[in-house]
Amino acid sequence: MEQVVKDVDLLAAFRGVLSADGPEAVIRETLHAIRELMSVDTAFWSVWENDGLRMQSLIGLGSPELHQRSFVPAGQGVGGRVIETGEPVTVVDYAQFAGQVPELRILLDQEELVSVAAVPVRSESGVVAVLYVLSRDRRAFSDSELRLMMGMASLARTIQEQVREHQDMATRIHLLELEVTQSERERAAVNELGTAILRGDDVGRAVALAGDALGTQLTLRHVQESTMPGPSTDAQVSEPDGDVMVELPRELPIPGNRNTSLVVGRDSEVAETSLQAVCVLIGLHFARQRSSVETEIRLTESLIRASLEGSREELQAIWRQAALVGIDLATPRAVIVLGSDRRLDRELVDRVAREVRARSRHGQVTTFEGDVIVLWPVAGHASLQKLRRDVEDLIRSCRPRVLVAGIGPVCTTADDYPAAVREARFARQVAEHSTLDRDVATSDDLGMYRIFAHVVGVDSLRKSIGETLGPLLEDGNRDSAQLLYTLRVYLERDRRLAEAARTLHVHVNTLRYRIERISKVLHIDLDDPEARFFTLLALRLSNVVDPLRTARAPSVNDSGR
């Protein structure tokens, strides 16, 4: 019941943040929410500038004008330590804090504030702000409280960016409405485009509708950046015979998108300002899409990290955050892990992300410990059946770089992700080390071996196999390879000497001699059922992870001792 109440309080707090009507209001509502949820006296938000941290917003001070003393120079104070380490910092008694800032100490003394907690607010460029909470009662802040602060700080920054972007969009649209006064037809085109985009229509169709309203043909042109031509206006070119001049369509750049342009049909008399208005609206649409994708990436990364390192409570919190910003994680998604024998560079990660988006519009991509992790929406059985082919096609499209992939189970709840991520990572490692020469392995391919994804990794399995089969795994040793194959056939034939000897094309006495040698080399008693079980298990697992090389049948002519 306590958790339900906390969830209700958390949702109520987030509603206030989401309903904020400006970037500054987002921060104020966040401070109010964190103050209520953590039962602290004061909260404030300081922004990193060139020379230190400067308070941007605060609540709970008896003398708000005192915030002018709250500037924290670079490298000093609790905030300076947060900026330096990028980690949360807590101080039970600021008066005893070795790195205290004198001006801030005066402020805290006047307000009778004792305990402080501060967490970083991150962006792609690093820590950009610090969120503080302060208490007049002496208290130690728990790890869960620090995680709550970091989660709210991250969400507040995301919402603040979106609110700022929406305000900017509203301002620019308003200016466009003032400027685009040439004709009712031109205003109708802008309205048609904006309405179609807000309605969720495909941007290409929205542009075509705007062209219809303007009485001309409008299309979008997407090209690789390396081949992107400069914008041309009323360009003309001669035919090969030099007699006929052909007018080329006009091509205008889309703001913020170097590889996309608006192509205007030939003989168009539409005013340049109207076309520029269309370009700006398209650019704003793409910017909004990028912001949405970036939010998905951050949440996906948090979800994967919590699945592998966090608690169930963290997973549930991320699930709620996703719902609040309109991302439905309850959509069935398969976990896919892509990697290679070396760490993926930024260029390849971006290439994989583009290929994923080309095949699954709502696929979510992030990175973790050198691998690319994809949450791939699965609409139904047919989509799931096609998934492996899509991933194989994606891998082929990234050549000459060599990639392998592991596909985990489909997830529909937060609790599904930890197991699915572990199985997908294990399957990826199996695909890399397997002797079956495959680019993709699924958790279903592993059969009963998928249990090892939850108790050990591939590296641990290879080590265990090496410890069990020992000298018989010496790479390049033909005698060892012969003995290893002999051991496999002998155990798989349930120690039936005559049958195993026929399979090996050797005399029964030769087989007995080899078995004696194997027992001595491995220091095992093959009459012991437990020893036989673990030896055969190691042989079977060697087919999956191949610690040095998998035992292969030697030539049938190699039947000597």
Protein backbone atom coordinates (compact mmCIF):
# COMPACT_ATOMS: atom_id res chain seq x y z
CA MET A 1 0.00 0.00 0.00
CA GLU A 2 2.88 2.33 0.81
CA GLN A 3 4.32 1.84 -2.67
CA VAL A 4 0.94 2.60 -4.27
CA VAL A 5 0.73 5.88 -2.34
CA LYS A 6 4.26 6.77 -3.40
CA ASP A 7 3.41 6.04 -7.03
CA VAL A 8 0.29 8.22 -6.81
CA ASP A 9 2.32 11.04 -5.27
CA LEU A 10 4.97 10.63 -7.96
CA LEU A 11 2.41 10.79 -10.77
CA ALA A 12 0.78 13.86 -9.21
CA ALA A 13 4.17 15.55 -8.96
CA PHE A 14 4.99 14.74 -12.59
CA ARG A 15 1.64 16.12 -13.75
CA GLY A 16 2.63 19.49 -12.32
CA VAL A 17 5.94 19.37 -14.17
CA LEU A 18 4.29 18.32 -17.43
CA SER A 19 1.68 21.08 -17.18
CA ALA A 20 4.31 23.83 -16.78
CA ASP A 21 3.90 26.59 -19.37
CA GLY A 22 7.55 27.58 -19.79
CA PRO A 23 11.14 26.38 -19.26
CA GLU A 24 11.48 28.27 -15.97
CA ALA A 25 8.12 26.96 -14.78
CA VAL A 26 9.31 23.40 -15.46
CA ILE A 27 12.21 23.91 -13.04
CA ARG A 28 9.97 25.54 -10.40
CA GLU A 29 7.46 22.69 -10.58
CA THR A 30 10.30 20.17 -10.37
CA LEU A 31 11.59 21.86 -7.21
CA HIS A 32 8.10 21.87 -5.68
CA ALA A 33 7.68 18.18 -6.56
CA ILE A 34 11.04 17.07 -5.14
CA ARG A 35 10.45 19.12 -1.99
CA GLU A 36 7.10 17.41 -1.40
CA LEU A 37 8.27 13.91 -2.28
CA MET A 38 11.42 14.04 -0.12
CA SER A 39 10.00 16.19 2.73
CA VAL A 40 12.88 18.67 2.58
CA ASP A 41 12.81 22.37 3.47
CA THR A 42 14.53 23.90 0.48
CA ALA A 43 15.38 22.97 -3.08
CA PHE A 44 17.20 24.87 -5.76
CA TRP A 45 18.55 24.45 -9.26
CA SER A 46 21.93 25.93 -10.21
CA VAL A 47 23.21 26.22 -13.77
CA TRP A 48 26.87 25.71 -14.71
CA GLU A 49 28.51 28.76 -16.26
CA ASN A 50 32.12 29.38 -17.25
CA ASP A 51 33.22 30.42 -13.78
CA GLY A 52 30.97 28.30 -11.57
CA LEU A 53 27.40 27.42 -10.55
CA ARG A 54 24.77 30.16 -10.44
CA MET A 55 21.34 29.62 -8.88
CA GLN A 56 18.56 29.75 -11.44
CA SER A 57 15.51 28.85 -9.36
CA LEU A 58 14.73 28.13 -5.71
CA ILE A 59 11.92 27.43 -3.27
CA GLY A 60 11.75 27.30 0.51
CA LEU A 61 14.09 30.13 1.58
CA GLY A 62 12.82 32.52 4.23
CA SER A 63 14.66 35.38 2.51
CA PRO A 64 14.66 34.58 -1.21
CA GLU A 65 16.85 37.61 -1.98
CA LEU A 66 19.69 35.79 -0.21
CA HIS A 67 20.06 33.57 -3.29
CA GLN A 68 22.38 36.25 -4.68
CA ARG A 69 24.99 34.84 -2.30
CA SER A 70 24.55 31.32 -3.62
CA PHE A 71 27.13 31.52 -6.42
CA VAL A 72 29.53 28.54 -6.19
CA PRO A 73 32.94 29.10 -7.84
CA ALA A 74 34.34 26.37 -10.07
CA GLY A 75 35.85 23.47 -8.14
CA GLN A 76 34.37 24.49 -4.77
CA GLY A 77 31.55 23.35 -2.54
CA VAL A 78 29.13 20.46 -2.87
CA GLY A 79 28.11 21.58 -6.36
CA GLY A 80 31.74 21.87 -7.44
CA ARG A 81 32.34 18.29 -6.34
CA VAL A 82 29.26 17.13 -8.29
CA ILE A 83 30.53 18.93 -11.42
CA GLU A 84 33.99 17.44 -10.94
CA THR A 85 32.94 13.82 -10.31
CA GLY A 86 29.64 13.68 -12.17
CA GLU A 87 28.18 11.78 -9.19
CA PRO A 88 25.70 12.69 -6.39
CA VAL A 89 27.12 14.19 -3.19
CA THR A 90 25.51 14.23 0.27
CA VAL A 91 26.58 16.15 3.36
CA VAL A 92 24.91 15.45 6.71
CA ASP A 93 26.32 18.62 8.35
CA TYR A 94 27.47 21.37 5.99
CA ALA A 95 29.25 23.13 8.86
CA GLN A 96 31.63 20.15 8.99
CA PHE A 97 32.09 19.93 5.21
CA ALA A 98 35.75 20.52 4.33
CA GLY A 99 35.03 22.10 0.96
CA GLN A 100 32.35 24.55 2.10
CA VAL A 101 31.92 27.89 0.30
CA PRO A 102 31.97 30.80 2.83
CA GLU A 103 29.21 32.80 1.12
CA LEU A 104 26.98 29.73 0.90
CA ARG A 105 27.76 28.85 4.53
CA ILE A 106 26.43 32.30 5.54
CA LEU A 107 23.23 31.65 3.58
CA LEU A 108 22.73 28.22 5.15
CA ASP A 109 23.43 29.53 8.66
CA GLN A 110 20.91 32.32 8.26
CA GLU A 111 18.31 29.85 7.02
CA GLU A 112 19.34 27.24 9.67
CA LEU A 113 19.87 24.63 6.95
CA VAL A 114 22.06 21.69 7.95
CA SER A 115 21.99 18.72 5.56
CA VAL A 116 22.56 18.92 1.80
CA ALA A 117 22.18 16.52 -1.14
CA ALA A 118 23.10 17.44 -4.71
CA VAL A 119 22.89 15.49 -7.98
CA PRO A 120 24.13 16.24 -11.51
CA VAL A 121 21.85 17.27 -14.37
CA ARG A 122 23.39 15.85 -17.51
CA SER A 123 23.24 16.64 -21.20
CA GLU A 124 25.13 15.14 -24.13
CA SER A 125 27.99 17.57 -23.43
CA GLY A 126 28.28 16.64 -19.74
CA VAL A 127 26.94 18.05 -16.46
CA VAL A 128 25.08 21.33 -17.14
CA ALA A 129 23.38 21.97 -13.80
CA VAL A 130 23.06 20.73 -10.24
CA LEU A 131 19.84 19.98 -8.33
CA TYR A 132 20.12 20.60 -4.56
CA VAL A 133 17.83 19.72 -1.65
CA LEU A 134 18.46 21.01 1.89
CA SER A 135 16.99 20.14 5.28
CA ARG A 136 16.87 22.03 8.57
CA ASP A 137 16.84 18.67 10.32
CA ARG A 138 20.05 16.70 10.37
CA ARG A 139 19.54 13.72 8.02
CA ALA A 140 21.38 11.32 5.74
CA PHE A 141 19.92 10.98 2.25
CA SER A 142 19.44 7.40 1.03
CA ASP A 143 20.49 5.93 -2.33
CA SER A 144 16.85 5.63 -3.38
CA GLU A 145 16.31 9.34 -2.65
CA LEU A 146 19.37 10.22 -4.73
CA ARG A 147 18.07 8.06 -7.59
CA LEU A 148 14.71 9.83 -7.35
CA MET A 149 16.47 13.21 -7.56
CA MET A 150 18.53 12.11 -10.58
CA GLY A 151 15.48 10.70 -12.34
CA MET A 152 13.47 13.87 -11.81
CA ALA A 153 16.41 16.06 -12.81
CA SER A 154 16.83 14.12 -16.07
CA LEU A 155 13.11 14.22 -16.82
CA ALA A 156 12.89 17.93 -15.97
CA ARG A 157 15.71 18.73 -18.36
CA THR A 158 14.07 16.68 -21.14
CA ILE A 159 10.68 18.37 -20.61
CA GLN A 160 12.35 21.79 -20.35
CA GLU A 161 14.00 21.26 -23.72
CA GLN A 162 10.72 20.15 -25.27
CA VAL A 163 8.81 23.10 -23.77
CA ARG A 164 11.50 25.49 -25.03
CA GLU A 165 11.31 23.88 -28.45
CA HIS A 166 7.52 24.09 -28.51
CA GLN A 167 7.64 27.75 -27.47
CA ASP A 168 10.21 28.42 -30.15
CA MET A 169 8.03 26.62 -32.67
CA ALA A 170 4.97 28.64 -31.59
CA THR A 171 6.92 31.89 -31.86
CA ARG A 172 8.29 31.07 -35.27
CA ILE A 173 4.91 29.94 -36.56
CA HIS A 174 3.39 33.19 -35.25
CA LEU A 175 6.05 35.20 -37.08
CA LEU A 176 5.41 33.18 -40.21
CA GLU A 177 1.70 33.90 -39.97
CA LEU A 178 2.48 37.62 -39.85
CA GLU A 179 4.86 37.42 -42.79
CA VAL A 180 2.92 35.06 -45.05
CA THR A 181 0.27 37.51 -46.19
CA GLN A 182 0.69 37.31 -49.92
CA SER A 183 -2.54 35.42 -50.53
CA GLU A 184 -5.15 33.18 -48.99
CA ARG A 185 -3.80 30.33 -51.10
CA GLU A 186 -0.34 30.62 -49.59
CA ARG A 187 -1.68 30.79 -46.01
CA ALA A 188 -3.81 27.75 -46.74
CA ALA A 189 -0.69 25.84 -47.82
CA VAL A 190 1.09 26.58 -44.54
CA ASN A 191 -1.99 25.63 -42.54
CA GLU A 192 -2.40 22.45 -44.57
CA LEU A 193 1.18 21.43 -43.93
CA GLY A 194 1.09 22.24 -40.21
CA THR A 195 -2.24 20.43 -39.73
CA ALA A 196 -1.06 17.35 -41.62
CA ILE A 197 2.14 17.16 -39.53
CA LEU A 198 0.27 17.57 -36.25
CA ARG A 199 -2.22 14.96 -37.43
CA GLY A 200 0.67 12.52 -37.77
CA ASP A 201 0.56 12.20 -41.56
CA ASP A 202 3.69 11.11 -43.39
CA VAL A 203 5.78 14.24 -43.98
CA GLY A 204 6.01 13.49 -47.72
CA ARG A 205 2.21 13.41 -48.00
CA ALA A 206 1.96 16.59 -45.91
CA VAL A 207 4.35 18.38 -48.28
CA ALA A 208 2.36 17.17 -51.28
CA LEU A 209 -0.84 18.61 -49.73
CA ALA A 210 0.90 21.94 -49.20
CA GLY A 211 1.94 21.88 -52.86
CA ASP A 212 -1.66 21.28 -53.92
CA ALA A 213 -2.75 24.33 -51.90
CA LEU A 214 -0.02 26.43 -53.55
CA GLY A 215 -0.84 25.16 -57.00
CA THR A 216 2.54 23.56 -57.62
CA GLN A 217 4.34 20.29 -57.07
CA LEU A 218 6.38 20.03 -53.87
CA THR A 219 8.52 17.02 -52.94
CA LEU A 220 11.25 16.27 -50.44
CA ARG A 221 14.65 15.11 -51.64
CA HIS A 222 16.86 13.06 -49.32
CA VAL A 223 20.46 12.43 -50.38
CA GLN A 224 23.73 11.41 -48.80
CA GLU A 225 25.55 14.39 -47.34
CA SER A 226 28.60 13.78 -49.55
CA THR A 227 26.49 14.17 -52.69
CA MET A 228 24.18 16.93 -51.48
CA PRO A 229 24.15 19.77 -54.07
CA GLY A 230 23.93 23.37 -53.03
CA PRO A 231 20.50 25.00 -53.27
CA SER A 232 19.73 26.21 -56.77
CA THR A 233 17.21 28.80 -57.91
CA ASP A 234 15.88 28.93 -61.46
CA ALA A 235 18.91 26.99 -62.66
CA GLN A 236 19.20 26.22 -66.36
CA VAL A 237 21.25 23.63 -68.23
CA SER A 238 21.80 22.88 -71.92
CA GLU A 239 20.86 19.63 -73.57
CA PRO A 240 23.78 17.66 -75.07
CA ASP A 241 23.17 19.14 -78.53
CA GLY A 242 23.43 22.66 -77.10
CA ASP A 243 20.22 23.82 -78.80
CA VAL A 244 17.59 23.39 -76.08
CA MET A 245 17.68 25.04 -72.64
CA VAL A 246 15.87 23.05 -69.92
CA GLU A 247 14.77 24.76 -66.72
CA LEU A 248 15.55 22.70 -63.62
CA PRO A 249 13.25 22.65 -60.59
CA ARG A 250 14.12 24.94 -57.71
CA GLU A 251 15.66 23.25 -54.69
CA LEU A 252 15.60 24.89 -51.25
CA PRO A 253 17.42 23.62 -48.15
CA ILE A 254 15.49 22.49 -45.07
CA PRO A 255 16.79 24.35 -41.96
CA GLY A 256 18.77 22.03 -39.70
CA ASN A 257 18.85 19.18 -42.25
CA ARG A 258 21.87 19.29 -44.53
CA ASN A 259 20.84 16.18 -46.46
CA THR A 260 17.20 17.15 -47.14
CA SER A 261 15.82 19.77 -49.51
CA LEU A 262 12.45 20.92 -50.84
CA VAL A 263 12.08 20.51 -54.59
CA VAL A 264 9.64 22.93 -56.27
CA GLY A 265 8.03 22.00 -59.57
CA ARG A 266 9.03 23.72 -62.81
CA ASP A 267 7.21 26.91 -63.91
CA SER A 268 6.16 27.59 -60.31
CA GLU A 269 5.31 31.22 -59.53
CA VAL A 270 4.98 30.72 -55.78
CA ALA A 271 6.62 33.48 -53.76
CA GLU A 272 9.95 32.68 -52.15
CA THR A 273 8.65 33.66 -48.69
CA SER A 274 5.89 31.05 -48.88
CA LEU A 275 8.34 28.33 -49.85
CA GLN A 276 10.68 29.38 -47.05
CA ALA A 277 7.75 29.12 -44.64
CA VAL A 278 7.12 25.56 -45.80
CA CYS A 279 10.82 24.74 -45.35
CA VAL A 280 10.85 26.13 -41.80
CA LEU A 281 7.79 24.09 -40.82
CA ILE A 282 9.38 20.93 -42.22
CA GLY A 283 12.60 21.73 -40.35
CA LEU A 284 10.68 22.17 -37.10
CA HIS A 285 8.95 18.84 -37.69
CA PHE A 286 12.28 17.08 -38.14
CA ALA A 287 13.65 18.81 -35.03
CA ARG A 288 10.69 17.56 -33.02
CA GLN A 289 11.27 14.05 -34.33
CA ARG A 290 14.95 14.24 -33.35
CA SER A 291 14.01 15.40 -29.86
CA SER A 292 11.60 12.49 -29.52
CA VAL A 293 14.25 10.03 -30.72
CA GLU A 294 16.83 11.44 -28.28
CA THR A 295 14.36 11.06 -25.41
CA GLU A 296 13.73 7.44 -26.46
CA ILE A 297 17.48 6.77 -26.60
CA ARG A 298 18.01 8.13 -23.08
CA LEU A 299 15.11 6.10 -21.69
CA THR A 300 16.21 2.98 -23.58
CA GLU A 301 19.73 3.30 -22.21
CA SER A 302 18.34 3.69 -18.68
CA LEU A 303 16.06 0.68 -19.19
CA ILE A 304 18.90 -1.56 -20.40
CA ARG A 305 21.26 -0.43 -17.63
CA ALA A 306 18.59 -0.99 -14.98
CA SER A 307 17.82 -4.41 -16.48
CA LEU A 308 21.45 -5.49 -16.02
CA GLU A 309 22.52 -3.56 -12.95
CA GLY A 310 19.50 -2.08 -11.19
CA SER A 311 16.53 -3.15 -9.13
CA ARG A 312 12.91 -3.91 -9.94
CA GLU A 313 11.96 -0.53 -8.45
CA GLU A 314 14.28 1.26 -10.90
CA LEU A 315 12.71 -0.61 -13.82
CA GLN A 316 9.22 0.39 -12.68
CA ALA A 317 10.33 4.03 -12.29
CA ILE A 318 11.71 4.10 -15.85
CA TRP A 319 8.48 2.51 -17.09
CA ARG A 320 6.51 5.36 -15.49
CA GLN A 321 8.84 8.01 -16.89
CA ALA A 322 8.39 6.61 -20.40
CA ALA A 323 4.60 6.72 -20.04
CA LEU A 324 4.73 10.34 -18.87
CA VAL A 325 6.55 11.48 -22.02
CA GLY A 326 4.35 9.42 -24.33
CA ILE A 327 6.56 6.37 -24.98
CA ASP A 328 4.64 3.12 -24.63
CA LEU A 329 7.11 0.49 -23.41
CA ALA A 330 4.23 -1.97 -23.12
CA THR A 331 4.39 -2.40 -26.91
CA PRO A 332 5.82 -5.90 -27.48
CA ARG A 333 9.54 -5.53 -28.26
CA ALA A 334 12.28 -8.04 -28.95
CA VAL A 335 15.69 -7.34 -27.44
CA ILE A 336 18.50 -7.54 -30.02
CA VAL A 337 22.20 -7.16 -29.24
CA LEU A 338 24.66 -6.45 -32.07
CA GLY A 339 28.43 -6.44 -31.72
CA SER A 340 31.72 -7.65 -33.13
CA ASP A 341 35.07 -8.88 -31.90
CA ARG A 342 36.04 -5.27 -31.16
CA ARG A 343 34.25 -2.26 -29.73
CA LEU A 344 31.87 -0.55 -32.14
CA ASP A 345 32.88 3.00 -33.13
CA ARG A 346 30.50 5.95 -33.36
CA GLU A 347 30.27 5.79 -37.15
CA LEU A 348 29.19 2.15 -37.12
CA VAL A 349 26.72 2.75 -34.27
CA ASP A 350 25.11 5.55 -36.29
CA ARG A 351 25.00 3.29 -39.35
CA VAL A 352 23.27 0.54 -37.36
CA ALA A 353 20.77 3.06 -35.96
CA ARG A 354 19.89 4.26 -39.48
CA GLU A 355 19.48 0.69 -40.73
CA VAL A 356 17.24 -0.16 -37.78
CA ARG A 357 15.05 2.90 -38.41
CA ALA A 358 14.81 1.95 -42.09
CA ARG A 359 13.34 -1.44 -41.11
CA SER A 360 11.47 -0.59 -37.93
CA ARG A 361 10.25 2.99 -37.64
CA HIS A 362 9.82 2.77 -33.86
CA GLY A 363 12.90 0.69 -33.12
CA GLN A 364 14.84 2.07 -30.14
CA VAL A 365 18.65 1.97 -30.26
CA THR A 366 21.27 2.51 -27.56
CA THR A 367 24.75 1.25 -26.63
CA PHE A 368 25.98 -0.69 -23.62
CA GLU A 369 29.53 -1.88 -22.91
CA GLY A 370 30.59 -1.75 -26.57
CA ASP A 371 27.46 -3.43 -27.99
CA VAL A 372 24.46 -1.91 -29.77
CA ILE A 373 21.18 -2.87 -28.11
CA VAL A 374 17.94 -2.56 -30.07
CA LEU A 375 14.37 -2.77 -28.77
CA TRP A 376 12.56 -3.91 -31.91
CA PRO A 377 8.72 -3.63 -31.93
CA VAL A 378 7.03 -6.90 -32.86
CA ALA A 379 3.47 -6.45 -34.12
CA GLY A 380 2.50 -10.12 -34.26
CA HIS A 381 3.56 -13.65 -35.19
CA ALA A 382 4.35 -12.71 -38.80
CA SER A 383 6.56 -9.85 -37.66
CA LEU A 384 8.36 -12.14 -35.23
CA GLN A 385 8.93 -14.74 -37.97
CA LYS A 386 10.41 -12.01 -40.21
CA LEU A 387 12.62 -10.58 -37.45
CA ARG A 388 15.58 -12.88 -37.99
CA ARG A 389 15.65 -12.13 -41.72
CA ASP A 390 15.49 -8.40 -40.99
CA VAL A 391 18.44 -8.63 -38.61
CA GLU A 392 20.47 -10.72 -41.06
CA ASP A 393 19.72 -8.17 -43.78
CA LEU A 394 20.78 -5.35 -41.43
CA ILE A 395 24.10 -7.10 -40.75
CA ARG A 396 24.73 -7.54 -44.48
CA SER A 397 24.04 -3.85 -45.09
CA CYS A 398 26.81 -2.89 -42.63
CA ARG A 399 29.55 -4.81 -44.45
CA PRO A 400 32.52 -4.79 -44.82
CA ARG A 401 32.33 -4.41 -41.03
CA VAL A 402 31.63 -7.83 -39.50
CA LEU A 403 28.70 -7.90 -37.07
CA VAL A 404 26.94 -10.68 -35.21
CA ALA A 405 23.62 -10.50 -33.38
CA GLY A 406 21.77 -12.17 -30.56
CA ILE A 407 17.97 -12.04 -30.43
CA GLY A 408 16.26 -12.40 -27.06
CA PRO A 409 12.63 -13.05 -26.18
CA VAL A 410 9.81 -10.54 -26.74
CA CYS A 411 9.09 -8.27 -23.75
CA THR A 412 5.75 -6.74 -22.79
CA THR A 413 6.36 -5.73 -19.15
CA ALA A 414 9.24 -4.16 -17.23
CA ASP A 415 9.91 -7.47 -15.50
CA ASP A 416 10.53 -9.18 -18.88
CA TYR A 417 13.56 -7.08 -19.78
CA PRO A 418 16.29 -8.32 -17.39
CA ALA A 419 16.04 -11.94 -18.58
CA ALA A 420 15.61 -10.94 -22.22
CA VAL A 421 18.66 -8.65 -22.20
CA ARG A 422 20.85 -11.32 -20.60
CA GLU A 423 19.72 -13.98 -23.09
CA ALA A 424 20.21 -11.66 -26.08
CA ARG A 425 23.75 -10.74 -24.93
CA PHE A 426 24.57 -14.41 -24.37
CA ALA A 427 23.17 -15.34 -27.79
CA ARG A 428 25.30 -12.59 -29.37
CA GLN A 429 28.42 -14.03 -27.75
CA VAL A 430 27.43 -17.52 -28.88
CA ALA A 431 27.03 -16.25 -32.48
CA GLU A 432 30.50 -14.72 -32.27
CA HIS A 433 32.27 -17.78 -30.83
CA SER A 434 30.23 -20.59 -32.37
CA THR A 435 31.74 -22.89 -35.00
CA LEU A 436 28.40 -23.02 -36.83
CA ASP A 437 29.35 -19.96 -38.94
CA ARG A 438 26.21 -17.95 -38.29
CA ASP A 439 25.69 -14.22 -37.94
CA VAL A 440 22.55 -14.43 -35.80
CA ALA A 441 21.67 -16.58 -32.82
CA THR A 442 18.37 -16.47 -30.95
CA SER A 443 17.61 -17.51 -27.40
CA ASP A 444 15.52 -20.32 -28.93
CA ASP A 445 18.61 -21.57 -30.80
CA LEU A 446 20.35 -22.09 -27.46
CA GLY A 447 17.76 -24.58 -26.25
CA MET A 448 18.44 -25.67 -22.70
CA TYR A 449 21.81 -23.88 -22.83
CA ARG A 450 19.98 -20.54 -22.47
CA ILE A 451 19.99 -21.21 -18.73
CA PHE A 452 23.71 -20.37 -18.78
CA ALA A 453 22.83 -16.81 -19.80
CA HIS A 454 21.38 -16.30 -16.33
CA VAL A 455 24.10 -17.91 -14.26
CA VAL A 456 27.34 -17.41 -16.23
CA GLY A 457 28.55 -15.73 -19.40
CA VAL A 458 30.42 -17.07 -22.41
CA ASP A 459 33.79 -16.20 -20.89
CA SER A 460 33.02 -18.25 -17.78
CA LEU A 461 31.82 -21.18 -19.89
CA ARG A 462 34.98 -21.14 -22.00
CA LYS A 463 37.08 -21.13 -18.85
CA SER A 464 35.14 -24.06 -17.37
CA ILE A 465 35.43 -26.05 -20.62
CA GLY A 466 39.15 -25.35 -20.68
CA GLU A 467 39.52 -26.56 -17.09
CA THR A 468 37.56 -29.75 -17.86
CA LEU A 469 39.11 -30.73 -21.21
CA GLY A 470 42.52 -29.23 -20.46
CA PRO A 471 45.40 -30.45 -22.67
CA LEU A 472 43.06 -31.88 -25.30
CA LEU A 473 42.26 -28.31 -26.36
CA GLU A 474 45.81 -27.50 -27.42
CA ASP A 475 45.41 -25.66 -30.69
CA GLY A 476 47.25 -27.25 -33.62
CA ASN A 477 48.12 -30.48 -31.79
CA ARG A 478 46.91 -33.30 -34.08
CA ASP A 479 47.28 -35.95 -31.39
CA SER A 480 45.13 -33.91 -28.98
CA ALA A 481 42.49 -33.41 -31.67
CA GLN A 482 42.37 -37.18 -32.28
CA LEU A 483 41.96 -37.93 -28.57
CA LEU A 484 39.28 -35.25 -28.15
CA TYR A 485 37.25 -36.67 -31.04
CA THR A 486 37.73 -40.17 -29.68
CA LEU A 487 36.42 -39.05 -26.27
CA ARG A 488 33.38 -37.45 -27.85
CA VAL A 489 32.46 -40.56 -29.88
CA TYR A 490 33.12 -42.90 -26.93
CA LEU A 491 30.84 -40.96 -24.56
CA GLU A 492 28.13 -40.29 -27.14
CA ARG A 493 28.02 -44.08 -27.85
CA ASP A 494 27.48 -44.61 -24.12
CA ARG A 495 30.93 -46.30 -23.79
CA ARG A 496 29.99 -49.16 -26.13
CA LEU A 497 33.48 -50.08 -27.31
CA ALA A 498 32.62 -52.03 -30.45
CA GLU A 499 30.18 -49.41 -31.75
CA ALA A 500 32.55 -46.51 -30.97
CA ALA A 501 35.49 -48.36 -32.60
CA ARG A 502 33.48 -48.86 -35.81
CA THR A 503 32.61 -45.17 -35.91
CA LEU A 504 36.26 -44.26 -35.38
CA HIS A 505 37.50 -46.88 -37.89
CA VAL A 506 39.94 -48.31 -35.33
CA HIS A 507 40.44 -51.63 -33.57
CA VAL A 508 38.80 -52.08 -30.18
CA ASN A 509 42.22 -52.46 -28.54
CA THR A 510 43.32 -49.19 -30.12
CA LEU A 511 40.24 -47.53 -28.65
CA ARG A 512 40.98 -48.99 -25.19
CA TYR A 513 44.52 -47.64 -25.41
CA ARG A 514 43.24 -44.16 -26.34
CA ILE A 515 40.70 -44.13 -23.51
CA GLU A 516 43.45 -45.00 -21.03
CA ARG A 517 45.56 -42.14 -22.39
CA ILE A 518 42.63 -39.72 -22.16
CA SER A 519 41.95 -40.69 -18.54
CA LYS A 520 45.60 -40.07 -17.64
CA VAL A 521 45.83 -36.77 -19.54
CA LEU A 522 42.62 -35.38 -18.05
CA HIS A 523 43.08 -37.02 -14.64
CA ILE A 524 39.52 -38.37 -14.67
CA ASP A 525 37.89 -41.75 -14.11
CA LEU A 526 35.49 -42.36 -16.98
CA ASP A 527 33.85 -45.13 -14.97
CA ASP A 528 32.58 -42.41 -12.61
CA PRO A 529 29.06 -41.33 -13.80
CA GLU A 530 29.49 -37.78 -12.47
CA ALA A 531 32.86 -37.35 -14.22
CA ARG A 532 31.33 -38.64 -17.47
CA PHE A 533 28.38 -36.24 -17.17
CA PHE A 534 30.51 -33.10 -16.76
CA THR A 535 32.97 -34.22 -19.43
CA LEU A 536 30.19 -34.78 -21.97
CA LEU A 537 28.57 -31.46 -20.96
CA ALA A 538 31.89 -29.68 -21.62
CA LEU A 539 32.11 -31.37 -25.04
CA ARG A 540 28.56 -30.33 -25.91
CA LEU A 541 29.12 -26.75 -24.74
CA SER A 542 32.29 -26.58 -26.82
CA ASN A 543 30.01 -26.73 -29.87
CA VAL A 544 28.28 -23.59 -28.59
CA VAL A 545 31.16 -21.40 -27.43
CA ASP A 546 34.31 -23.11 -28.85
CA PRO A 547 36.90 -22.17 -26.18
CA LEU A 548 39.89 -22.74 -28.47
CA ARG A 549 38.59 -24.93 -31.23
CA THR A 550 35.82 -27.50 -31.42
CA ALA A 551 36.80 -31.14 -31.79
CA ARG A 552 36.48 -32.21 -35.40
CA ALA A 553 36.77 -35.68 -36.82
CA PRO A 554 40.34 -36.41 -37.94
CA SER A 555 40.96 -38.11 -41.24
CA VAL A 556 39.68 -41.68 -41.43
CA ASN A 557 43.20 -42.71 -42.47
CA ASP A 558 44.56 -41.41 -39.18
CA SER A 559 43.77 -44.54 -37.18
CA GLY A 560 47.14 -45.21 -35.58
CA ARG A 561 48.01 -44.85 -31.99
